[in-house]
Amino acid sequence: QEQLVESGGGLVQAGGSLRVSCAASGLTFRRFAMGWFRQAPGKEREFVAAITWSGDTTYYADSVKGRFTISRDNAKNMVYLQMNSLKPEDTANYYCAADLYGSDSSMTNLQKYEYWGQGTQVTVSS
């Protein structure tokens, strides 16, 4: 059974850093592009970052560009989101997702993703 499990969320002060992780199981990880999305209370789920199966291409939302870095380890079936210079507006539930054979900018579209995790909460205090 395909499963994505996020971890690493928590409470951090503005300006601080946090790394969230996503462990994949039950799927051929190297066939999937991976994405991170987030959803704040009362708001729609939005794209944050994505990475192709090989890791050679990444995409970022403008709001996080230069502060967040997505990476993956295909040997461990893991994807990571390193978040630096955090702001209170980054507060949200962060979800990882898997997109079979994703390879272009369409990976920014959440409808492209077949599998989703349950999310991990990130709270940034001011």
N, C-alpha and C. Protein backbone atom coordinates (compact mmCIF):
# COMPACT_ATOMS: atom_id res chain seq x y z
N GLN A 1 0.84 -1.19 0.00
CA GLN A 1 0.00 0.00 0.00
C GLN A 1 0.88 1.24 0.00
N GLU A 2 0.56 2.16 -0.92
CA GLU A 2 1.34 3.38 -1.03
C GLU A 2 1.12 4.28 0.18
N GLN A 3 2.20 4.80 0.71
CA GLN A 3 2.09 5.63 1.89
C GLN A 3 3.17 6.70 1.91
N LEU A 4 2.77 7.90 2.28
CA LEU A 4 3.69 9.01 2.49
C LEU A 4 3.49 9.51 3.92
N VAL A 5 4.58 9.62 4.66
CA VAL A 5 4.49 10.04 6.06
C VAL A 5 5.44 11.20 6.30
N GLU A 6 4.87 12.34 6.65
CA GLU A 6 5.67 13.52 6.94
C GLU A 6 6.09 13.55 8.41
N SER A 7 7.19 14.23 8.67
CA SER A 7 7.65 14.43 10.04
C SER A 7 8.52 15.68 10.09
N GLY A 8 8.79 16.13 11.30
CA GLY A 8 9.71 17.24 11.47
C GLY A 8 9.08 18.60 11.69
N GLY A 9 7.77 18.66 11.66
CA GLY A 9 7.12 19.93 11.91
C GLY A 9 7.26 20.35 13.37
N GLY A 10 6.88 21.58 13.66
CA GLY A 10 6.97 22.06 15.03
C GLY A 10 6.81 23.56 15.11
N LEU A 11 7.18 24.09 16.26
CA LEU A 11 7.07 25.53 16.52
C LEU A 11 8.47 26.14 16.44
N VAL A 12 8.58 27.23 15.69
CA VAL A 12 9.87 27.90 15.53
C VAL A 12 9.64 29.41 15.51
N GLN A 13 10.61 30.15 15.97
CA GLN A 13 10.50 31.61 15.94
C GLN A 13 10.79 32.14 14.54
N ALA A 14 10.23 33.29 14.26
CA ALA A 14 10.50 33.94 12.98
C ALA A 14 12.00 34.13 12.80
N GLY A 15 12.46 33.84 11.59
CA GLY A 15 13.89 33.91 11.29
C GLY A 15 14.62 32.60 11.49
N GLY A 16 13.95 31.66 12.10
CA GLY A 16 14.56 30.37 12.36
C GLY A 16 14.45 29.41 11.19
N SER A 17 14.92 28.19 11.43
CA SER A 17 14.94 27.16 10.39
C SER A 17 14.29 25.88 10.89
N LEU A 18 13.83 25.10 9.93
CA LEU A 18 13.21 23.82 10.23
C LEU A 18 13.34 22.94 8.99
N ARG A 19 13.50 21.66 9.19
CA ARG A 19 13.50 20.72 8.06
C ARG A 19 12.39 19.70 8.27
N VAL A 20 11.52 19.62 7.30
CA VAL A 20 10.49 18.59 7.32
C VAL A 20 10.88 17.49 6.35
N SER A 21 10.49 16.27 6.70
CA SER A 21 10.84 15.09 5.92
C SER A 21 9.60 14.33 5.52
N CYS A 22 9.74 13.53 4.48
CA CYS A 22 8.65 12.69 4.02
C CYS A 22 9.22 11.33 3.64
N ALA A 23 8.69 10.29 4.28
CA ALA A 23 9.12 8.93 4.00
C ALA A 23 8.08 8.25 3.12
N ALA A 24 8.53 7.69 2.01
CA ALA A 24 7.63 7.02 1.07
C ALA A 24 7.78 5.51 1.19
N SER A 25 6.69 4.80 1.07
CA SER A 25 6.71 3.35 1.07
C SER A 25 5.61 2.83 0.17
N GLY A 26 5.80 1.60 -0.33
CA GLY A 26 4.78 0.97 -1.15
C GLY A 26 4.70 1.47 -2.58
N LEU A 27 5.66 2.29 -3.01
CA LEU A 27 5.68 2.75 -4.39
C LEU A 27 7.12 2.77 -4.89
N THR A 28 7.26 2.74 -6.21
CA THR A 28 8.60 2.79 -6.81
C THR A 28 9.04 4.24 -6.82
N PHE A 29 9.72 4.62 -5.77
CA PHE A 29 9.98 6.02 -5.47
C PHE A 29 10.64 6.76 -6.62
N ARG A 30 11.58 6.10 -7.31
CA ARG A 30 12.36 6.80 -8.34
C ARG A 30 11.50 7.16 -9.57
N ARG A 31 10.30 6.64 -9.65
CA ARG A 31 9.42 6.96 -10.77
C ARG A 31 8.57 8.21 -10.51
N PHE A 32 8.67 8.70 -9.30
CA PHE A 32 7.78 9.79 -8.90
C PHE A 32 8.53 11.10 -8.69
N ALA A 33 7.98 12.16 -9.28
CA ALA A 33 8.35 13.48 -8.83
C ALA A 33 7.68 13.70 -7.48
N MET A 34 8.30 14.52 -6.65
CA MET A 34 7.77 14.76 -5.32
C MET A 34 7.54 16.25 -5.11
N GLY A 35 6.47 16.55 -4.40
CA GLY A 35 6.15 17.94 -4.15
C GLY A 35 5.81 18.19 -2.70
N TRP A 36 5.97 19.44 -2.30
CA TRP A 36 5.50 19.90 -1.00
C TRP A 36 4.44 20.97 -1.22
N PHE A 37 3.37 20.84 -0.49
CA PHE A 37 2.28 21.81 -0.51
C PHE A 37 1.98 22.22 0.93
N ARG A 38 1.26 23.29 1.09
CA ARG A 38 0.88 23.71 2.44
C ARG A 38 -0.51 24.29 2.44
N GLN A 39 -1.12 24.21 3.61
CA GLN A 39 -2.48 24.74 3.75
C GLN A 39 -2.62 25.38 5.12
N ALA A 40 -2.94 26.65 5.11
CA ALA A 40 -3.19 27.39 6.34
C ALA A 40 -4.69 27.39 6.62
N PRO A 41 -5.09 27.58 7.87
CA PRO A 41 -6.52 27.59 8.20
C PRO A 41 -7.29 28.61 7.37
N GLY A 42 -8.37 28.16 6.79
CA GLY A 42 -9.22 29.04 5.99
C GLY A 42 -8.71 29.36 4.61
N LYS A 43 -7.60 28.74 4.23
CA LYS A 43 -7.03 29.00 2.91
C LYS A 43 -6.95 27.71 2.11
N GLU A 44 -6.80 27.88 0.78
CA GLU A 44 -6.65 26.73 -0.08
C GLU A 44 -5.24 26.16 0.02
N ARG A 45 -5.12 24.89 -0.30
CA ARG A 45 -3.82 24.26 -0.35
C ARG A 45 -3.01 24.87 -1.50
N GLU A 46 -1.75 25.19 -1.23
CA GLU A 46 -0.93 25.84 -2.23
C GLU A 46 0.40 25.14 -2.43
N PHE A 47 0.92 25.29 -3.63
CA PHE A 47 2.20 24.71 -4.00
C PHE A 47 3.33 25.42 -3.26
N VAL A 48 4.33 24.63 -2.83
CA VAL A 48 5.51 25.18 -2.19
C VAL A 48 6.76 24.87 -3.00
N ALA A 49 7.00 23.57 -3.28
CA ALA A 49 8.21 23.17 -3.99
C ALA A 49 8.00 21.79 -4.60
N ALA A 50 8.76 21.49 -5.65
CA ALA A 50 8.69 20.18 -6.28
C ALA A 50 10.06 19.82 -6.84
N ILE A 51 10.27 18.51 -7.00
CA ILE A 51 11.55 18.02 -7.49
C ILE A 51 11.29 16.82 -8.39
N THR A 52 12.00 16.75 -9.51
CA THR A 52 11.83 15.62 -10.42
C THR A 52 12.41 14.34 -9.82
N TRP A 53 12.12 13.20 -10.48
CA TRP A 53 12.54 11.93 -9.92
C TRP A 53 14.04 11.85 -9.72
N SER A 54 14.79 12.46 -10.63
CA SER A 54 16.24 12.40 -10.57
C SER A 54 16.84 13.47 -9.65
N GLY A 55 16.03 14.44 -9.32
CA GLY A 55 16.52 15.52 -8.47
C GLY A 55 17.23 16.63 -9.22
N ASP A 56 17.24 16.57 -10.56
CA ASP A 56 18.02 17.55 -11.31
C ASP A 56 17.26 18.84 -11.61
N THR A 57 15.94 18.81 -11.37
CA THR A 57 15.14 20.02 -11.60
C THR A 57 14.22 20.25 -10.42
N THR A 58 14.18 21.49 -9.98
CA THR A 58 13.31 21.86 -8.87
C THR A 58 12.47 23.08 -9.24
N TYR A 59 11.34 23.20 -8.57
CA TYR A 59 10.45 24.34 -8.75
C TYR A 59 10.07 24.86 -7.37
N TYR A 60 9.89 26.17 -7.29
CA TYR A 60 9.53 26.80 -6.03
C TYR A 60 8.47 27.86 -6.25
N ALA A 61 7.60 27.98 -5.26
CA ALA A 61 6.69 29.12 -5.26
C ALA A 61 7.50 30.39 -5.02
N ASP A 62 7.05 31.49 -5.59
CA ASP A 62 7.78 32.74 -5.44
C ASP A 62 7.93 33.13 -3.96
N SER A 63 6.95 32.78 -3.17
CA SER A 63 6.94 33.19 -1.77
C SER A 63 8.03 32.51 -0.94
N VAL A 64 8.58 31.41 -1.44
CA VAL A 64 9.60 30.67 -0.67
C VAL A 64 10.94 30.62 -1.37
N LYS A 65 10.99 31.11 -2.60
CA LYS A 65 12.23 31.04 -3.38
C LYS A 65 13.35 31.76 -2.65
N GLY A 66 14.49 31.09 -2.56
CA GLY A 66 15.64 31.65 -1.87
C GLY A 66 15.68 31.34 -0.38
N ARG A 67 14.57 30.84 0.15
CA ARG A 67 14.52 30.50 1.59
C ARG A 67 14.35 29.00 1.82
N PHE A 68 13.63 28.32 0.93
CA PHE A 68 13.36 26.90 1.08
C PHE A 68 14.14 26.11 0.03
N THR A 69 14.52 24.88 0.41
CA THR A 69 15.21 24.00 -0.52
C THR A 69 14.61 22.59 -0.43
N ILE A 70 14.21 22.07 -1.57
CA ILE A 70 13.70 20.71 -1.62
C ILE A 70 14.82 19.79 -2.09
N SER A 71 14.87 18.59 -1.52
CA SER A 71 15.87 17.61 -1.93
C SER A 71 15.29 16.22 -1.73
N ARG A 72 15.96 15.23 -2.29
CA ARG A 72 15.48 13.85 -2.15
C ARG A 72 16.66 12.90 -2.08
N ASP A 73 16.40 11.75 -1.47
CA ASP A 73 17.37 10.67 -1.39
C ASP A 73 16.66 9.41 -1.88
N ASN A 74 16.91 9.05 -3.12
CA ASN A 74 16.20 7.90 -3.70
C ASN A 74 16.61 6.58 -3.06
N ALA A 75 17.78 6.52 -2.49
CA ALA A 75 18.21 5.30 -1.83
C ALA A 75 17.43 5.06 -0.54
N LYS A 76 16.95 6.13 0.06
CA LYS A 76 16.21 6.03 1.32
C LYS A 76 14.71 6.27 1.16
N ASN A 77 14.27 6.55 -0.07
CA ASN A 77 12.86 6.87 -0.32
C ASN A 77 12.39 8.05 0.53
N MET A 78 13.21 9.09 0.54
CA MET A 78 12.93 10.26 1.36
C MET A 78 12.96 11.53 0.53
N VAL A 79 12.12 12.46 0.91
CA VAL A 79 12.18 13.81 0.35
C VAL A 79 12.16 14.79 1.52
N TYR A 80 12.88 15.90 1.35
CA TYR A 80 13.06 16.85 2.43
C TYR A 80 12.70 18.26 1.97
N LEU A 81 12.32 19.08 2.93
CA LEU A 81 12.14 20.50 2.67
C LEU A 81 12.86 21.26 3.77
N GLN A 82 13.96 21.87 3.42
CA GLN A 82 14.71 22.71 4.35
C GLN A 82 14.14 24.12 4.27
N MET A 83 13.72 24.63 5.40
CA MET A 83 13.07 25.94 5.44
C MET A 83 13.90 26.88 6.31
N ASN A 84 14.40 27.92 5.71
CA ASN A 84 15.20 28.92 6.42
C ASN A 84 14.49 30.27 6.40
N SER A 85 14.93 31.15 7.27
CA SER A 85 14.37 32.50 7.35
C SER A 85 12.84 32.45 7.40
N LEU A 86 12.35 31.61 8.27
CA LEU A 86 10.90 31.40 8.35
C LEU A 86 10.18 32.66 8.79
N LYS A 87 8.96 32.81 8.26
CA LYS A 87 8.11 33.95 8.56
C LYS A 87 6.79 33.45 9.14
N PRO A 88 6.10 34.28 9.90
CA PRO A 88 4.79 33.85 10.43
C PRO A 88 3.84 33.41 9.33
N GLU A 89 3.92 33.99 8.16
CA GLU A 89 3.02 33.60 7.07
C GLU A 89 3.36 32.23 6.48
N ASP A 90 4.46 31.62 6.92
CA ASP A 90 4.76 30.25 6.52
C ASP A 90 4.02 29.23 7.38
N THR A 91 3.34 29.69 8.40
CA THR A 91 2.57 28.79 9.28
C THR A 91 1.50 28.08 8.48
N ALA A 92 1.53 26.74 8.54
CA ALA A 92 0.58 25.93 7.78
C ALA A 92 0.82 24.46 8.09
N ASN A 93 -0.08 23.66 7.60
CA ASN A 93 0.13 22.21 7.58
C ASN A 93 0.83 21.89 6.27
N TYR A 94 1.96 21.21 6.35
CA TYR A 94 2.77 20.92 5.17
C TYR A 94 2.57 19.47 4.75
N TYR A 95 2.26 19.29 3.47
CA TYR A 95 1.98 17.98 2.91
C TYR A 95 3.01 17.63 1.84
N CYS A 96 3.44 16.37 1.83
CA CYS A 96 4.21 15.91 0.67
C CYS A 96 3.28 15.11 -0.23
N ALA A 97 3.64 15.05 -1.50
CA ALA A 97 2.82 14.38 -2.49
C ALA A 97 3.70 13.79 -3.58
N ALA A 98 3.18 12.75 -4.24
CA ALA A 98 3.93 12.04 -5.27
C ALA A 98 3.20 12.12 -6.61
N ASP A 99 3.95 12.45 -7.65
CA ASP A 99 3.42 12.64 -9.01
C ASP A 99 4.16 11.68 -9.94
N LEU A 100 3.45 10.65 -10.42
CA LEU A 100 4.08 9.64 -11.27
C LEU A 100 4.63 10.26 -12.55
N TYR A 101 5.91 10.10 -12.76
CA TYR A 101 6.61 10.57 -13.96
C TYR A 101 6.56 12.09 -14.14
N GLY A 102 6.30 12.81 -13.10
CA GLY A 102 6.30 14.26 -13.20
C GLY A 102 7.67 14.77 -13.63
N SER A 103 7.66 15.73 -14.59
CA SER A 103 8.95 16.15 -15.12
C SER A 103 9.00 17.61 -15.57
N ASP A 104 7.91 18.35 -15.42
CA ASP A 104 7.93 19.73 -15.88
C ASP A 104 7.17 20.63 -14.93
N SER A 105 6.93 21.84 -15.36
CA SER A 105 6.34 22.83 -14.45
C SER A 105 4.92 22.48 -14.04
N SER A 106 4.31 21.47 -14.69
CA SER A 106 2.97 21.05 -14.26
C SER A 106 3.01 20.46 -12.86
N MET A 107 4.19 20.17 -12.36
CA MET A 107 4.32 19.67 -10.99
C MET A 107 3.89 20.70 -9.96
N THR A 108 3.69 21.94 -10.36
CA THR A 108 3.19 22.95 -9.43
C THR A 108 1.68 22.82 -9.21
N ASN A 109 1.03 21.98 -10.00
CA ASN A 109 -0.42 21.80 -9.93
C ASN A 109 -0.76 20.64 -9.02
N LEU A 110 -1.45 20.87 -7.94
CA LEU A 110 -1.71 19.81 -6.98
C LEU A 110 -2.56 18.70 -7.57
N GLN A 111 -3.31 18.98 -8.62
CA GLN A 111 -4.15 17.95 -9.23
C GLN A 111 -3.33 16.89 -9.95
N LYS A 112 -2.06 17.17 -10.16
CA LYS A 112 -1.20 16.20 -10.84
C LYS A 112 -0.77 15.05 -9.93
N TYR A 113 -0.94 15.22 -8.63
CA TYR A 113 -0.36 14.30 -7.67
C TYR A 113 -1.32 13.18 -7.30
N GLU A 114 -0.79 11.95 -7.33
CA GLU A 114 -1.63 10.78 -7.09
C GLU A 114 -1.69 10.39 -5.61
N TYR A 115 -0.63 10.66 -4.87
CA TYR A 115 -0.56 10.22 -3.48
C TYR A 115 -0.18 11.38 -2.59
N TRP A 116 -0.80 11.38 -1.40
CA TRP A 116 -0.61 12.46 -0.44
C TRP A 116 -0.36 11.91 0.95
N GLY A 117 0.45 12.64 1.72
CA GLY A 117 0.61 12.33 3.13
C GLY A 117 -0.44 13.03 3.96
N GLN A 118 -0.37 12.82 5.26
CA GLN A 118 -1.35 13.39 6.18
C GLN A 118 -0.98 14.79 6.66
N GLY A 119 0.27 15.17 6.43
CA GLY A 119 0.69 16.51 6.77
C GLY A 119 1.42 16.60 8.10
N THR A 120 2.22 17.66 8.22
CA THR A 120 2.90 17.97 9.48
C THR A 120 2.78 19.48 9.70
N GLN A 121 2.45 19.85 10.93
CA GLN A 121 2.17 21.25 11.22
C GLN A 121 3.45 22.03 11.47
N VAL A 122 3.56 23.16 10.81
CA VAL A 122 4.67 24.09 11.04
C VAL A 122 4.07 25.41 11.52
N THR A 123 4.52 25.86 12.68
CA THR A 123 4.03 27.11 13.24
C THR A 123 5.21 28.04 13.48
N VAL A 124 5.12 29.24 12.92
CA VAL A 124 6.19 30.23 13.06
C VAL A 124 5.66 31.38 13.89
N SER A 125 6.28 31.60 15.03
CA SER A 125 5.84 32.67 15.92
C SER A 125 6.60 33.96 15.63
N SER A 126 5.92 35.07 15.84
CA SER A 126 6.55 36.38 15.55
C SER A 126 7.27 36.93 16.75
